[in-house]
């Protein structure tokens, strides 16, 4: 987990939410990874679906690509990003480890850098747009994994609020 006490301060206080959101999203994704067992890594709900392990690998590789290619962050070589041990806990720890230097990288960027247009696949977008696209991409894969958890009859952790498995006093799923 990346605690708030480790978060760097953004050059522009108006962009601090980006740093805090990225750390929070990494923590949420890592908490979902940790709900799986090693025996679940080969699970796929349909022959056309990715396995749990393939989604873990894609999450780590695509984060690396987004940050290096589209945002210019220094990143390890693709062959160096996976954990040595192939377990959900090792994937979660590696996800967090790779995110820590990105937080400092993002915090050190100027307003001009965030607003600069940069190639993104076959189009050009502002870096701030690319960053938020990364957050959305991660949320998409985390949601896939929460569906896998439900299909495996495993608890679904709280990501943005209460779940059928995790609730607390004052939690309101806003159903009424």
N, C-alpha and C. Protein backbone atom coordinates (compact mmCIF):
# COMPACT_ATOMS: atom_id res chain seq x y z
N UNK A 1 0.84 -1.18 0.00
CA UNK A 1 0.00 0.00 0.00
C UNK A 1 0.89 1.25 0.00
N UNK A 2 0.47 2.24 -0.72
CA UNK A 2 1.16 3.52 -0.75
C UNK A 2 0.40 4.46 0.19
N UNK A 3 0.95 4.74 1.39
CA UNK A 3 0.25 5.60 2.33
C UNK A 3 0.31 7.07 1.92
N UNK A 4 -0.65 7.84 2.37
CA UNK A 4 -0.69 9.27 2.08
C UNK A 4 0.59 9.97 2.50
N UNK A 5 1.22 9.48 3.56
CA UNK A 5 2.44 10.11 4.06
C UNK A 5 3.60 10.02 3.06
N UNK A 6 3.51 9.12 2.08
CA UNK A 6 4.56 8.99 1.07
C UNK A 6 4.29 9.84 -0.18
N UNK A 7 3.16 10.49 -0.26
CA UNK A 7 2.81 11.21 -1.48
C UNK A 7 3.59 12.51 -1.60
N UNK A 8 4.23 12.71 -2.76
CA UNK A 8 4.92 13.98 -2.98
C UNK A 8 3.93 15.09 -3.25
N UNK A 9 4.35 16.31 -3.10
CA UNK A 9 3.52 17.48 -3.36
C UNK A 9 3.71 17.92 -4.82
N UNK A 10 2.61 18.14 -5.51
CA UNK A 10 2.65 18.59 -6.90
C UNK A 10 3.16 20.04 -6.96
N UNK A 11 3.86 20.37 -8.03
CA UNK A 11 4.31 21.74 -8.24
C UNK A 11 3.15 22.72 -8.14
N UNK A 12 2.06 22.34 -8.78
CA UNK A 12 0.86 23.17 -8.75
C UNK A 12 -0.15 22.50 -7.81
N UNK A 13 -0.53 23.15 -6.71
CA UNK A 13 -1.48 22.53 -5.78
C UNK A 13 -2.79 22.11 -6.43
N UNK A 14 -3.16 22.75 -7.54
CA UNK A 14 -4.38 22.36 -8.24
C UNK A 14 -4.27 20.97 -8.88
N UNK A 15 -3.04 20.47 -9.01
CA UNK A 15 -2.83 19.14 -9.60
C UNK A 15 -2.55 18.06 -8.55
N UNK A 16 -2.60 18.44 -7.28
CA UNK A 16 -2.35 17.46 -6.21
C UNK A 16 -3.35 16.31 -6.28
N UNK A 17 -4.57 16.61 -6.71
CA UNK A 17 -5.57 15.54 -6.80
C UNK A 17 -5.13 14.44 -7.77
N UNK A 18 -4.36 14.77 -8.80
CA UNK A 18 -3.90 13.75 -9.74
C UNK A 18 -2.94 12.79 -9.05
N UNK A 19 -2.03 13.32 -8.24
CA UNK A 19 -1.08 12.50 -7.50
C UNK A 19 -1.84 11.60 -6.52
N UNK A 20 -2.76 12.20 -5.77
CA UNK A 20 -3.52 11.44 -4.78
C UNK A 20 -4.41 10.39 -5.43
N UNK A 21 -5.01 10.73 -6.56
CA UNK A 21 -5.88 9.78 -7.25
C UNK A 21 -5.08 8.61 -7.79
N UNK A 22 -3.92 8.89 -8.40
CA UNK A 22 -3.11 7.79 -8.94
C UNK A 22 -2.70 6.83 -7.81
N UNK A 23 -2.23 7.35 -6.70
CA UNK A 23 -1.85 6.49 -5.57
C UNK A 23 -3.05 5.69 -5.07
N UNK A 24 -4.20 6.33 -4.96
CA UNK A 24 -5.41 5.66 -4.50
C UNK A 24 -5.83 4.56 -5.46
N UNK A 25 -5.74 4.81 -6.74
CA UNK A 25 -6.12 3.80 -7.73
C UNK A 25 -5.16 2.61 -7.70
N UNK A 26 -3.88 2.87 -7.50
CA UNK A 26 -2.91 1.77 -7.36
C UNK A 26 -3.26 0.95 -6.13
N UNK A 27 -3.55 1.62 -5.02
CA UNK A 27 -3.90 0.90 -3.79
C UNK A 27 -5.16 0.06 -3.98
N UNK A 28 -6.14 0.58 -4.66
CA UNK A 28 -7.38 -0.16 -4.90
C UNK A 28 -7.11 -1.39 -5.78
N UNK A 29 -6.33 -1.19 -6.84
CA UNK A 29 -6.02 -2.30 -7.74
C UNK A 29 -5.22 -3.38 -7.01
N UNK A 30 -4.24 -2.96 -6.23
CA UNK A 30 -3.45 -3.93 -5.47
C UNK A 30 -4.33 -4.69 -4.48
N UNK A 31 -5.30 -4.02 -3.87
CA UNK A 31 -6.18 -4.71 -2.92
C UNK A 31 -7.04 -5.75 -3.63
N UNK A 32 -7.43 -5.47 -4.87
CA UNK A 32 -8.18 -6.46 -5.65
C UNK A 32 -7.26 -7.63 -6.03
N UNK A 33 -6.04 -7.35 -6.48
CA UNK A 33 -5.09 -8.43 -6.80
C UNK A 33 -4.97 -9.38 -5.60
N UNK A 34 -4.87 -8.81 -4.41
CA UNK A 34 -4.62 -9.60 -3.20
C UNK A 34 -5.80 -10.51 -2.82
N UNK A 35 -6.95 -10.34 -3.41
CA UNK A 35 -8.10 -11.20 -3.10
C UNK A 35 -8.00 -12.56 -3.79
N UNK A 36 -7.11 -12.67 -4.76
CA UNK A 36 -6.97 -13.91 -5.52
C UNK A 36 -5.96 -14.84 -4.85
N UNK A 37 -6.09 -16.13 -5.13
CA UNK A 37 -5.11 -17.13 -4.71
C UNK A 37 -4.27 -17.51 -5.93
N UNK A 38 -3.14 -18.12 -5.68
CA UNK A 38 -2.29 -18.57 -6.79
C UNK A 38 -3.09 -19.48 -7.72
N UNK A 39 -3.93 -20.31 -7.15
CA UNK A 39 -4.74 -21.25 -7.97
C UNK A 39 -5.74 -20.52 -8.87
N UNK A 40 -6.00 -19.24 -8.62
CA UNK A 40 -6.94 -18.47 -9.44
C UNK A 40 -6.28 -17.84 -10.66
N UNK A 41 -4.97 -17.88 -10.74
CA UNK A 41 -4.28 -17.17 -11.83
C UNK A 41 -4.68 -17.69 -13.21
N UNK A 42 -5.02 -18.96 -13.32
CA UNK A 42 -5.42 -19.54 -14.62
C UNK A 42 -6.91 -19.39 -14.91
N UNK A 43 -7.67 -18.85 -13.97
CA UNK A 43 -9.12 -18.73 -14.15
C UNK A 43 -9.45 -17.77 -15.28
N UNK A 44 -10.40 -18.19 -16.11
CA UNK A 44 -11.01 -17.33 -17.13
C UNK A 44 -12.48 -17.74 -17.21
N UNK A 45 -13.39 -16.76 -17.21
CA UNK A 45 -14.81 -17.12 -17.20
C UNK A 45 -15.35 -17.60 -18.54
N UNK A 46 -14.59 -17.41 -19.59
CA UNK A 46 -15.02 -17.76 -20.93
C UNK A 46 -13.77 -17.99 -21.77
N UNK A 47 -13.82 -18.87 -22.76
CA UNK A 47 -12.63 -19.11 -23.59
C UNK A 47 -12.06 -17.85 -24.27
N UNK A 48 -12.91 -16.86 -24.52
CA UNK A 48 -12.43 -15.63 -25.15
C UNK A 48 -11.93 -14.60 -24.13
N UNK A 49 -12.10 -14.87 -22.85
CA UNK A 49 -11.66 -13.96 -21.79
C UNK A 49 -10.20 -14.20 -21.46
N UNK A 50 -9.56 -13.17 -20.93
CA UNK A 50 -8.20 -13.30 -20.42
C UNK A 50 -8.23 -14.04 -19.09
N UNK A 51 -7.11 -14.68 -18.76
CA UNK A 51 -6.99 -15.29 -17.45
C UNK A 51 -6.71 -14.17 -16.43
N UNK A 52 -6.86 -14.51 -15.18
CA UNK A 52 -6.53 -13.56 -14.12
C UNK A 52 -5.07 -13.11 -14.27
N UNK A 53 -4.18 -14.06 -14.46
CA UNK A 53 -2.76 -13.70 -14.61
C UNK A 53 -2.53 -12.80 -15.82
N UNK A 54 -3.20 -13.07 -16.93
CA UNK A 54 -3.04 -12.21 -18.11
C UNK A 54 -3.49 -10.78 -17.82
N UNK A 55 -4.55 -10.61 -17.04
CA UNK A 55 -4.99 -9.26 -16.69
C UNK A 55 -3.96 -8.60 -15.77
N UNK A 56 -3.43 -9.34 -14.80
CA UNK A 56 -2.37 -8.79 -13.94
C UNK A 56 -1.19 -8.32 -14.80
N UNK A 57 -0.75 -9.18 -15.71
CA UNK A 57 0.40 -8.84 -16.57
C UNK A 57 0.09 -7.62 -17.43
N UNK A 58 -1.10 -7.62 -18.02
CA UNK A 58 -1.48 -6.48 -18.87
C UNK A 58 -1.52 -5.19 -18.07
N UNK A 59 -2.05 -5.24 -16.86
CA UNK A 59 -2.12 -4.04 -16.03
C UNK A 59 -0.72 -3.47 -15.80
N UNK A 60 0.22 -4.32 -15.43
CA UNK A 60 1.58 -3.86 -15.15
C UNK A 60 2.27 -3.38 -16.43
N UNK A 61 2.14 -4.13 -17.51
CA UNK A 61 2.79 -3.72 -18.77
C UNK A 61 2.17 -2.46 -19.37
N UNK A 62 0.86 -2.35 -19.32
CA UNK A 62 0.22 -1.18 -19.93
C UNK A 62 0.49 0.08 -19.13
N UNK A 63 0.59 -0.04 -17.79
CA UNK A 63 0.97 1.13 -16.97
C UNK A 63 2.35 1.60 -17.41
N UNK A 64 3.28 0.64 -17.53
CA UNK A 64 4.64 0.97 -17.95
C UNK A 64 4.64 1.69 -19.30
N UNK A 65 3.89 1.15 -20.25
CA UNK A 65 3.86 1.75 -21.58
C UNK A 65 3.28 3.16 -21.55
N UNK A 66 2.14 3.32 -20.88
CA UNK A 66 1.52 4.65 -20.80
C UNK A 66 2.51 5.66 -20.23
N UNK A 67 3.12 5.28 -19.11
CA UNK A 67 4.00 6.24 -18.44
C UNK A 67 5.26 6.51 -19.23
N UNK A 68 5.85 5.51 -19.84
CA UNK A 68 7.08 5.75 -20.60
C UNK A 68 6.81 6.40 -21.95
N UNK A 69 5.99 5.76 -22.75
CA UNK A 69 5.80 6.20 -24.13
C UNK A 69 4.96 7.47 -24.24
N UNK A 70 3.92 7.58 -23.44
CA UNK A 70 3.00 8.69 -23.61
C UNK A 70 3.22 9.85 -22.64
N UNK A 71 3.82 9.56 -21.48
CA UNK A 71 4.05 10.62 -20.49
C UNK A 71 5.53 10.93 -20.28
N UNK A 72 6.42 10.06 -20.78
CA UNK A 72 7.85 10.34 -20.71
C UNK A 72 8.52 9.99 -19.39
N UNK A 73 7.88 9.20 -18.58
CA UNK A 73 8.45 8.79 -17.29
C UNK A 73 9.55 7.76 -17.51
N UNK A 74 10.64 7.87 -16.74
CA UNK A 74 11.65 6.80 -16.82
C UNK A 74 11.06 5.50 -16.26
N UNK A 75 11.18 4.45 -17.01
CA UNK A 75 10.58 3.17 -16.64
C UNK A 75 11.57 2.04 -16.89
N UNK A 76 11.45 0.94 -16.16
CA UNK A 76 12.29 -0.23 -16.43
C UNK A 76 11.92 -0.84 -17.77
N UNK A 77 12.80 -1.66 -18.29
CA UNK A 77 12.51 -2.40 -19.52
C UNK A 77 11.30 -3.31 -19.29
N UNK A 78 10.54 -3.56 -20.34
CA UNK A 78 9.33 -4.39 -20.22
C UNK A 78 9.65 -5.75 -19.61
N UNK A 79 10.78 -6.34 -19.97
CA UNK A 79 11.13 -7.66 -19.46
C UNK A 79 11.45 -7.64 -17.95
N UNK A 80 11.59 -6.45 -17.38
CA UNK A 80 11.96 -6.32 -15.97
C UNK A 80 10.77 -5.97 -15.05
N UNK A 81 9.58 -5.84 -15.61
CA UNK A 81 8.48 -5.34 -14.78
C UNK A 81 7.74 -6.41 -13.97
N UNK A 82 7.80 -7.65 -14.38
CA UNK A 82 7.05 -8.67 -13.67
C UNK A 82 7.77 -9.11 -12.40
N UNK A 83 7.01 -9.50 -11.38
CA UNK A 83 7.65 -10.01 -10.17
C UNK A 83 8.32 -11.35 -10.44
N UNK A 84 9.32 -11.68 -9.65
CA UNK A 84 10.01 -12.96 -9.82
C UNK A 84 9.10 -14.12 -9.43
N UNK A 85 8.33 -13.91 -8.38
CA UNK A 85 7.36 -14.92 -7.94
C UNK A 85 6.02 -14.59 -8.58
N UNK A 86 5.38 -15.58 -9.17
CA UNK A 86 4.09 -15.33 -9.82
C UNK A 86 2.96 -15.66 -8.84
N UNK A 87 2.68 -14.71 -7.98
CA UNK A 87 1.58 -14.85 -7.03
C UNK A 87 0.82 -13.53 -7.01
N UNK A 88 -0.45 -13.55 -6.61
CA UNK A 88 -1.20 -12.29 -6.53
C UNK A 88 -0.51 -11.26 -5.62
N UNK A 89 0.01 -11.71 -4.49
CA UNK A 89 0.70 -10.78 -3.58
C UNK A 89 1.93 -10.17 -4.25
N UNK A 90 2.69 -10.97 -4.95
CA UNK A 90 3.89 -10.45 -5.63
C UNK A 90 3.51 -9.47 -6.74
N UNK A 91 2.45 -9.76 -7.48
CA UNK A 91 1.99 -8.82 -8.51
C UNK A 91 1.53 -7.51 -7.87
N UNK A 92 0.81 -7.59 -6.75
CA UNK A 92 0.34 -6.38 -6.06
C UNK A 92 1.52 -5.55 -5.57
N UNK A 93 2.50 -6.21 -4.96
CA UNK A 93 3.67 -5.49 -4.46
C UNK A 93 4.45 -4.84 -5.61
N UNK A 94 4.55 -5.54 -6.72
CA UNK A 94 5.29 -4.98 -7.88
C UNK A 94 4.53 -3.80 -8.46
N UNK A 95 3.21 -3.87 -8.52
CA UNK A 95 2.40 -2.76 -9.00
C UNK A 95 2.67 -1.51 -8.17
N UNK A 96 2.69 -1.67 -6.85
CA UNK A 96 2.96 -0.55 -5.94
C UNK A 96 4.39 -0.03 -6.11
N UNK A 97 5.33 -0.95 -6.21
CA UNK A 97 6.75 -0.57 -6.35
C UNK A 97 6.98 0.25 -7.62
N UNK A 98 6.38 -0.16 -8.71
CA UNK A 98 6.55 0.56 -9.97
C UNK A 98 5.86 1.93 -9.94
N UNK A 99 4.80 2.06 -9.15
CA UNK A 99 4.05 3.32 -9.10
C UNK A 99 4.77 4.40 -8.30
N UNK A 100 5.53 4.04 -7.30
CA UNK A 100 6.14 5.04 -6.42
C UNK A 100 6.97 6.08 -7.17
N UNK A 101 7.90 5.69 -8.04
CA UNK A 101 8.67 6.73 -8.76
C UNK A 101 7.80 7.55 -9.71
N UNK A 102 6.73 6.98 -10.20
CA UNK A 102 5.83 7.74 -11.09
C UNK A 102 5.17 8.89 -10.34
N UNK A 103 4.88 8.68 -9.07
CA UNK A 103 4.27 9.75 -8.27
C UNK A 103 5.21 10.95 -8.19
N UNK A 104 6.48 10.70 -7.93
CA UNK A 104 7.46 11.80 -7.88
C UNK A 104 7.61 12.44 -9.25
N UNK A 105 7.63 11.63 -10.29
CA UNK A 105 7.74 12.15 -11.65
C UNK A 105 6.56 13.09 -11.95
N UNK A 106 5.35 12.63 -11.66
CA UNK A 106 4.17 13.46 -11.93
C UNK A 106 4.18 14.74 -11.10
N UNK A 107 4.54 14.62 -9.84
CA UNK A 107 4.53 15.79 -8.95
C UNK A 107 5.51 16.86 -9.39
N UNK A 108 6.58 16.46 -10.05
CA UNK A 108 7.62 17.42 -10.45
C UNK A 108 7.31 18.16 -11.75
N UNK A 109 6.22 17.80 -12.40
CA UNK A 109 5.93 18.38 -13.72
C UNK A 109 5.25 19.75 -13.60
N UNK A 110 5.59 20.60 -14.55
CA UNK A 110 5.04 21.96 -14.61
C UNK A 110 3.66 21.96 -15.25
N UNK A 111 2.97 23.06 -15.09
CA UNK A 111 1.66 23.22 -15.75
C UNK A 111 1.80 23.05 -17.26
N UNK A 112 2.86 23.61 -17.81
CA UNK A 112 3.08 23.54 -19.27
C UNK A 112 3.22 22.08 -19.71
N UNK A 113 3.95 21.29 -18.92
CA UNK A 113 4.13 19.88 -19.26
C UNK A 113 2.78 19.17 -19.30
N UNK A 114 1.94 19.37 -18.29
CA UNK A 114 0.63 18.72 -18.23
C UNK A 114 -0.24 19.10 -19.43
N UNK A 115 -0.12 20.34 -19.89
CA UNK A 115 -0.99 20.82 -20.98
C UNK A 115 -0.41 20.56 -22.36
N UNK A 116 0.84 20.15 -22.43
CA UNK A 116 1.50 19.91 -23.72
C UNK A 116 0.84 18.76 -24.47
N UNK A 117 0.69 18.92 -25.76
CA UNK A 117 0.13 17.87 -26.61
C UNK A 117 1.23 16.87 -26.94
N UNK A 118 0.88 15.59 -26.85
CA UNK A 118 1.86 14.51 -27.05
C UNK A 118 1.18 13.38 -27.83
N UNK A 119 1.94 12.66 -28.66
CA UNK A 119 1.34 11.53 -29.37
C UNK A 119 0.77 10.49 -28.41
N UNK A 120 -0.40 10.01 -28.74
CA UNK A 120 -1.07 8.96 -27.99
C UNK A 120 -1.65 7.99 -29.00
N UNK A 121 -1.00 6.85 -29.18
CA UNK A 121 -1.33 5.92 -30.25
C UNK A 121 -1.34 6.69 -31.57
N UNK A 122 -2.47 6.77 -32.26
CA UNK A 122 -2.49 7.42 -33.58
C UNK A 122 -3.06 8.84 -33.54
N UNK A 123 -3.21 9.42 -32.35
CA UNK A 123 -3.72 10.79 -32.21
C UNK A 123 -2.77 11.58 -31.31
N UNK A 124 -3.08 12.85 -31.11
CA UNK A 124 -2.33 13.68 -30.16
C UNK A 124 -3.30 14.18 -29.11
N UNK A 125 -2.87 14.13 -27.87
CA UNK A 125 -3.69 14.56 -26.74
C UNK A 125 -2.81 15.29 -25.73
N UNK A 126 -3.45 16.11 -24.89
CA UNK A 126 -2.70 16.74 -23.81
C UNK A 126 -2.31 15.67 -22.80
N UNK A 127 -1.15 15.87 -22.17
CA UNK A 127 -0.68 14.88 -21.21
C UNK A 127 -1.68 14.67 -20.07
N UNK A 128 -2.36 15.72 -19.64
CA UNK A 128 -3.33 15.53 -18.57
C UNK A 128 -4.46 14.61 -19.02
N UNK A 129 -4.85 14.69 -20.27
CA UNK A 129 -5.86 13.79 -20.83
C UNK A 129 -5.32 12.36 -20.84
N UNK A 130 -4.06 12.19 -21.25
CA UNK A 130 -3.44 10.86 -21.29
C UNK A 130 -3.40 10.27 -19.88
N UNK A 131 -3.03 11.09 -18.90
CA UNK A 131 -2.99 10.62 -17.52
C UNK A 131 -4.37 10.10 -17.09
N UNK A 132 -5.42 10.88 -17.32
CA UNK A 132 -6.75 10.45 -16.88
C UNK A 132 -7.22 9.25 -17.67
N UNK A 133 -6.79 9.12 -18.91
CA UNK A 133 -7.13 7.93 -19.70
C UNK A 133 -6.50 6.70 -19.06
N UNK A 134 -5.28 6.86 -18.51
CA UNK A 134 -4.61 5.75 -17.82
C UNK A 134 -5.41 5.32 -16.60
N UNK A 135 -5.88 6.28 -15.83
CA UNK A 135 -6.67 5.97 -14.64
C UNK A 135 -7.92 5.19 -15.04
N UNK A 136 -8.59 5.63 -16.09
CA UNK A 136 -9.80 4.94 -16.54
C UNK A 136 -9.49 3.53 -17.04
N UNK A 137 -8.37 3.38 -17.74
CA UNK A 137 -7.96 2.06 -18.25
C UNK A 137 -7.74 1.09 -17.08
N UNK A 138 -7.09 1.58 -16.03
CA UNK A 138 -6.85 0.75 -14.85
C UNK A 138 -8.16 0.36 -14.18
N UNK A 139 -9.09 1.30 -14.08
CA UNK A 139 -10.38 1.02 -13.46
C UNK A 139 -11.14 -0.05 -14.24
N UNK A 140 -11.02 -0.02 -15.55
CA UNK A 140 -11.66 -1.03 -16.41
C UNK A 140 -11.16 -2.43 -16.06
N UNK A 141 -9.84 -2.59 -15.97
CA UNK A 141 -9.29 -3.92 -15.68
C UNK A 141 -9.56 -4.34 -14.23
N UNK A 142 -9.58 -3.39 -13.32
CA UNK A 142 -9.91 -3.72 -11.94
C UNK A 142 -11.35 -4.22 -11.86
N UNK A 143 -12.23 -3.62 -12.63
CA UNK A 143 -13.62 -4.07 -12.66
C UNK A 143 -13.73 -5.48 -13.22
N UNK A 144 -12.96 -5.78 -14.27
CA UNK A 144 -12.94 -7.15 -14.79
C UNK A 144 -12.60 -8.12 -13.65
N UNK A 145 -11.58 -7.76 -12.90
CA UNK A 145 -11.12 -8.65 -11.83
C UNK A 145 -12.15 -8.79 -10.71
N UNK A 146 -12.91 -7.74 -10.42
CA UNK A 146 -13.94 -7.88 -9.38
C UNK A 146 -15.06 -8.82 -9.85
N UNK A 147 -15.33 -8.82 -11.14
CA UNK A 147 -16.31 -9.78 -11.68
C UNK A 147 -15.75 -11.20 -11.52
N UNK A 148 -14.46 -11.38 -11.83
CA UNK A 148 -13.83 -12.69 -11.64
C UNK A 148 -13.95 -13.14 -10.19
N UNK A 149 -13.70 -12.22 -9.25
CA UNK A 149 -13.82 -12.56 -7.84
C UNK A 149 -15.22 -13.07 -7.52
N UNK A 150 -16.23 -12.36 -8.01
CA UNK A 150 -17.61 -12.76 -7.74
C UNK A 150 -17.88 -14.14 -8.34
N UNK A 151 -17.41 -14.39 -9.56
CA UNK A 151 -17.62 -15.68 -10.20
C UNK A 151 -16.89 -16.81 -9.46
N UNK A 152 -15.77 -16.47 -8.82
CA UNK A 152 -15.02 -17.45 -8.03
C UNK A 152 -15.57 -17.57 -6.60
N UNK A 153 -16.64 -16.83 -6.32
CA UNK A 153 -17.26 -16.81 -4.99
C UNK A 153 -16.29 -16.36 -3.91
N UNK A 154 -15.50 -15.35 -4.25
CA UNK A 154 -14.55 -14.74 -3.32
C UNK A 154 -15.07 -13.36 -2.93
N UNK A 155 -14.69 -12.85 -1.77
CA UNK A 155 -15.14 -11.52 -1.37
C UNK A 155 -14.65 -10.42 -2.32
N UNK A 156 -15.53 -9.47 -2.58
CA UNK A 156 -15.18 -8.29 -3.38
C UNK A 156 -14.92 -7.15 -2.40
N UNK A 157 -13.70 -6.65 -2.44
CA UNK A 157 -13.31 -5.58 -1.52
C UNK A 157 -13.95 -4.25 -1.91
N UNK A 158 -14.01 -3.37 -0.95
CA UNK A 158 -14.51 -2.02 -1.20
C UNK A 158 -13.50 -1.28 -2.07
N UNK A 159 -13.98 -0.72 -3.16
CA UNK A 159 -13.13 0.09 -4.03
C UNK A 159 -13.58 1.54 -3.94
N UNK A 160 -14.85 1.80 -4.19
CA UNK A 160 -15.39 3.15 -4.10
C UNK A 160 -16.50 3.28 -3.07
N UNK A 161 -16.83 2.20 -2.43
CA UNK A 161 -17.91 2.22 -1.45
C UNK A 161 -18.22 0.82 -1.01
N UNK A 162 -19.33 0.64 -0.30
CA UNK A 162 -19.65 -0.69 0.23
C UNK A 162 -19.91 -1.69 -0.89
N UNK A 163 -19.65 -2.96 -0.57
CA UNK A 163 -19.98 -4.05 -1.49
C UNK A 163 -20.90 -5.00 -0.73
N UNK A 164 -21.34 -6.05 -1.38
CA UNK A 164 -22.14 -7.06 -0.69
C UNK A 164 -21.31 -7.76 0.39
N UNK A 165 -19.97 -7.66 0.29
CA UNK A 165 -19.08 -8.32 1.24
C UNK A 165 -18.48 -7.38 2.27
N UNK A 166 -18.38 -6.11 1.96
CA UNK A 166 -17.72 -5.15 2.85
C UNK A 166 -18.62 -3.93 3.01
N UNK A 167 -18.98 -3.66 4.25
CA UNK A 167 -19.77 -2.46 4.53
C UNK A 167 -19.35 -1.94 5.91
N UNK A 168 -19.90 -0.83 6.31
CA UNK A 168 -19.57 -0.22 7.59
C UNK A 168 -20.71 0.70 7.98
N UNK A 169 -20.70 1.10 9.23
CA UNK A 169 -21.74 1.99 9.73
C UNK A 169 -21.68 3.30 8.94
N UNK A 170 -22.81 3.73 8.45
CA UNK A 170 -22.88 4.95 7.67
C UNK A 170 -22.71 4.75 6.16
N UNK A 171 -22.33 3.55 5.76
CA UNK A 171 -22.20 3.27 4.33
C UNK A 171 -23.60 3.16 3.73
N UNK A 172 -23.82 3.86 2.67
CA UNK A 172 -25.12 3.86 2.02
C UNK A 172 -24.91 3.63 0.52
N UNK A 173 -25.38 2.51 0.00
CA UNK A 173 -25.18 2.26 -1.43
C UNK A 173 -26.04 3.12 -2.35
N UNK A 174 -26.78 4.04 -1.80
CA UNK A 174 -27.62 4.96 -2.57
C UNK A 174 -28.57 4.21 -3.50
N UNK A 175 -29.37 3.40 -2.90
CA UNK A 175 -30.37 2.64 -3.65
C UNK A 175 -31.76 3.23 -3.54
N UNK A 176 -31.91 4.26 -2.72
CA UNK A 176 -33.24 4.82 -2.54
C UNK A 176 -33.20 6.31 -2.73
